[in-house]
Structures are given as structure tokens and as C-alpha cells.
C-alpha atoms as a PDB file:
ATOM      1  CA  UNK A   1       0.000   0.000   0.000  1.00  0.00           C
ATOM      2  CA  UNK A   2       1.419   3.345  -1.030  1.00  0.00           C
ATOM      3  CA  UNK A   3       0.939   6.467   1.079  1.00  0.00           C
ATOM      4  CA  UNK A   4      -1.876   8.770   0.038  1.00  0.00           C
ATOM      5  CA  UNK A   5       0.665  11.445  -0.835  1.00  0.00           C
ATOM      6  CA  UNK A   6       2.063   9.225  -3.611  1.00  0.00           C
ATOM      7  CA  UNK A   7      -1.396   8.497  -5.036  1.00  0.00           C
ATOM      8  CA  UNK A   8      -3.404  11.721  -4.747  1.00  0.00           C
ATOM      9  CA  UNK A   9      -7.094  11.736  -5.556  1.00  0.00           C
ATOM     10  CA  UNK A  10      -7.831  14.088  -8.426  1.00  0.00           C
ATOM     11  CA  UNK A  11     -11.589  14.102  -8.967  1.00  0.00           C
ATOM     12  CA  UNK A  12     -13.028  17.323 -10.297  1.00  0.00           C
ATOM     13  CA  UNK A  13     -15.884  18.810  -8.302  1.00  0.00           C
ATOM     14  CA  UNK A  14     -14.820  17.486  -4.891  1.00  0.00           C
ATOM     15  CA  UNK A  15     -14.269  19.945  -2.119  1.00  0.00           C
ATOM     16  CA  UNK A  16     -11.178  19.629   0.061  1.00  0.00           C
ATOM     17  CA  UNK A  17     -13.304  18.181   2.852  1.00  0.00           C
ATOM     18  CA  UNK A  18     -14.874  15.556   0.536  1.00  0.00           C
ATOM     19  CA  UNK A  19     -11.473  14.637  -0.910  1.00  0.00           C
ATOM     20  CA  UNK A  20     -10.011  14.183   2.567  1.00  0.00           C
ATOM     21  CA  UNK A  21     -12.960  12.018   3.648  1.00  0.00           C
ATOM     22  CA  UNK A  22     -12.590   9.889   0.515  1.00  0.00           C
ATOM     23  CA  UNK A  23      -8.855   9.437   1.114  1.00  0.00           C
ATOM     24  CA  UNK A  24      -9.567   8.370   4.702  1.00  0.00           C
ATOM     25  CA  UNK A  25     -12.113   5.801   3.525  1.00  0.00           C
ATOM     26  CA  UNK A  26      -9.700   4.423   0.927  1.00  0.00           C
ATOM     27  CA  UNK A  27      -6.911   4.096   3.498  1.00  0.00           C
ATOM     28  CA  UNK A  28      -9.311   2.399   5.927  1.00  0.00           C
ATOM     29  CA  UNK A  29     -10.483  -0.028   3.222  1.00  0.00           C
ATOM     30  CA  UNK A  30      -6.898  -0.886   2.264  1.00  0.00           C
ATOM     31  CA  UNK A  31      -5.917  -1.414   5.882  1.00  0.00           C
ATOM     32  CA  UNK A  32      -8.864  -3.745   6.591  1.00  0.00           C
ATOM     33  CA  UNK A  33      -9.128  -5.686   3.317  1.00  0.00           C
ATOM     34  CA  UNK A  34      -5.775  -5.643   1.517  1.00  0.00           C
ATOM     35  CA  UNK A  35      -4.292  -8.630   3.406  1.00  0.00           C
ATOM     36  CA  UNK A  36      -7.277 -10.858   2.557  1.00  0.00           C
ATOM     37  CA  UNK A  37      -7.261  -9.916  -1.123  1.00  0.00           C
ATOM     38  CA  UNK A  38      -3.509 -10.168  -1.617  1.00  0.00           C
ATOM     39  CA  UNK A  39      -2.096 -13.320  -3.170  1.00  0.00           C
ATOM     40  CA  UNK A  40      -2.772 -16.218  -0.845  1.00  0.00           C
ATOM     41  CA  UNK A  41      -5.473 -14.431   1.117  1.00  0.00           C
ATOM     42  CA  UNK A  42      -9.006 -15.727   1.575  1.00  0.00           C
ATOM     43  CA  UNK A  43     -10.460 -13.269  -0.947  1.00  0.00           C
ATOM     44  CA  UNK A  44      -7.763 -13.689  -3.602  1.00  0.00           C
ATOM     45  CA  UNK A  45      -9.080 -14.434  -7.098  1.00  0.00           C
ATOM     46  CA  UNK A  46      -6.576 -16.272  -9.318  1.00  0.00           C
ATOM     47  CA  UNK A  47      -6.062 -15.551 -12.989  1.00  0.00           C
ATOM     48  CA  UNK A  48      -8.394 -17.154 -15.500  1.00  0.00           C
ATOM     49  CA  UNK A  49      -6.782 -20.384 -16.677  1.00  0.00           C
ATOM     50  CA  UNK A  50      -6.930 -22.105 -20.064  1.00  0.00           C
ATOM     51  CA  UNK A  51      -9.166 -24.795 -18.555  1.00  0.00           C
ATOM     52  CA  UNK A  52     -11.719 -22.155 -17.578  1.00  0.00           C
ATOM     53  CA  UNK A  53     -11.990 -21.007 -21.206  1.00  0.00           C
ATOM     54  CA  UNK A  54     -12.331 -24.583 -22.438  1.00  0.00           C
ATOM     55  CA  UNK A  55     -15.045 -25.324 -19.873  1.00  0.00           C
ATOM     56  CA  UNK A  56     -16.982 -22.188 -20.848  1.00  0.00           C
ATOM     57  CA  UNK A  57     -16.613 -23.049 -24.554  1.00  0.00           C
ATOM     58  CA  UNK A  58     -17.967 -26.573 -24.055  1.00  0.00           C
ATOM     59  CA  UNK A  59     -20.964 -25.313 -22.063  1.00  0.00           C
ATOM     60  CA  UNK A  60     -21.704 -22.584 -24.629  1.00  0.00           C
ATOM     61  CA  UNK A  61     -21.371 -25.125 -27.458  1.00  0.00           C
ATOM     62  CA  UNK A  62     -23.885 -27.420 -25.745  1.00  0.00           C
ATOM     63  CA  UNK A  63     -26.335 -24.542 -25.312  1.00  0.00           C
ATOM     64  CA  UNK A  64     -25.881 -23.550 -28.971  1.00  0.00           C
ATOM     65  CA  UNK A  65     -26.580 -27.105 -30.153  1.00  0.00           C
ATOM     66  CA  UNK A  66     -29.662 -27.251 -27.927  1.00  0.00           C
ATOM     67  CA  UNK A  67     -30.974 -23.991 -29.406  1.00  0.00           C
ATOM     68  CA  UNK A  68     -30.346 -25.161 -32.964  1.00  0.00           C
ATOM     69  CA  UNK A  69     -32.169 -28.445 -32.325  1.00  0.00           C
ATOM     70  CA  UNK A  70     -35.014 -26.616 -30.573  1.00  0.00           C
ATOM     71  CA  UNK A  71     -35.493 -24.284 -33.560  1.00  0.00           C
ATOM     72  CA  UNK A  72     -35.345 -27.123 -36.120  1.00  0.00           C
ATOM     73  CA  UNK A  73     -37.880 -29.244 -34.250  1.00  0.00           C
ATOM     74  CA  UNK A  74     -40.492 -26.508 -33.910  1.00  0.00           C
END
């Protein structure tokens, strides 16, 4: 986690008070949730693997065949 000074929030239309409150909420969120979402944490989501694409392709192919058969039989 980088300090807020290194990653300033630059959103047009925010007052100084709103910007400071937003920075505080971001820092709080990072402090509470970053360890669980970092690699190896309980909330970590791994990259999509080749097997995931193959699985999705097979399922979509089966649905496509079902739709084609359903249209031809009606």
C-alpha cells in the first residue's frame, strides 16, 4: 500500500473536505481488506486459466446445439 501522498485523488468537483474524507475511507479499506485480497489471502481471485476457457466453450457449445435443435424441431 502506497501512502496517500504518492497516489493523490484528483476528482473534479470534490471539495477539500470531501477529498479528505474519501482518502480516509480508501486508506481504511486498504488497511482492513488488503491482506485478505492479496495473493494467498481468503479473498484472492486467481487468474483465469486455459481450462476455464475450455469449460466455458464446451458449455456454450452445448447450449448452442440445444438452441439449434429446438429451432429445427419446432
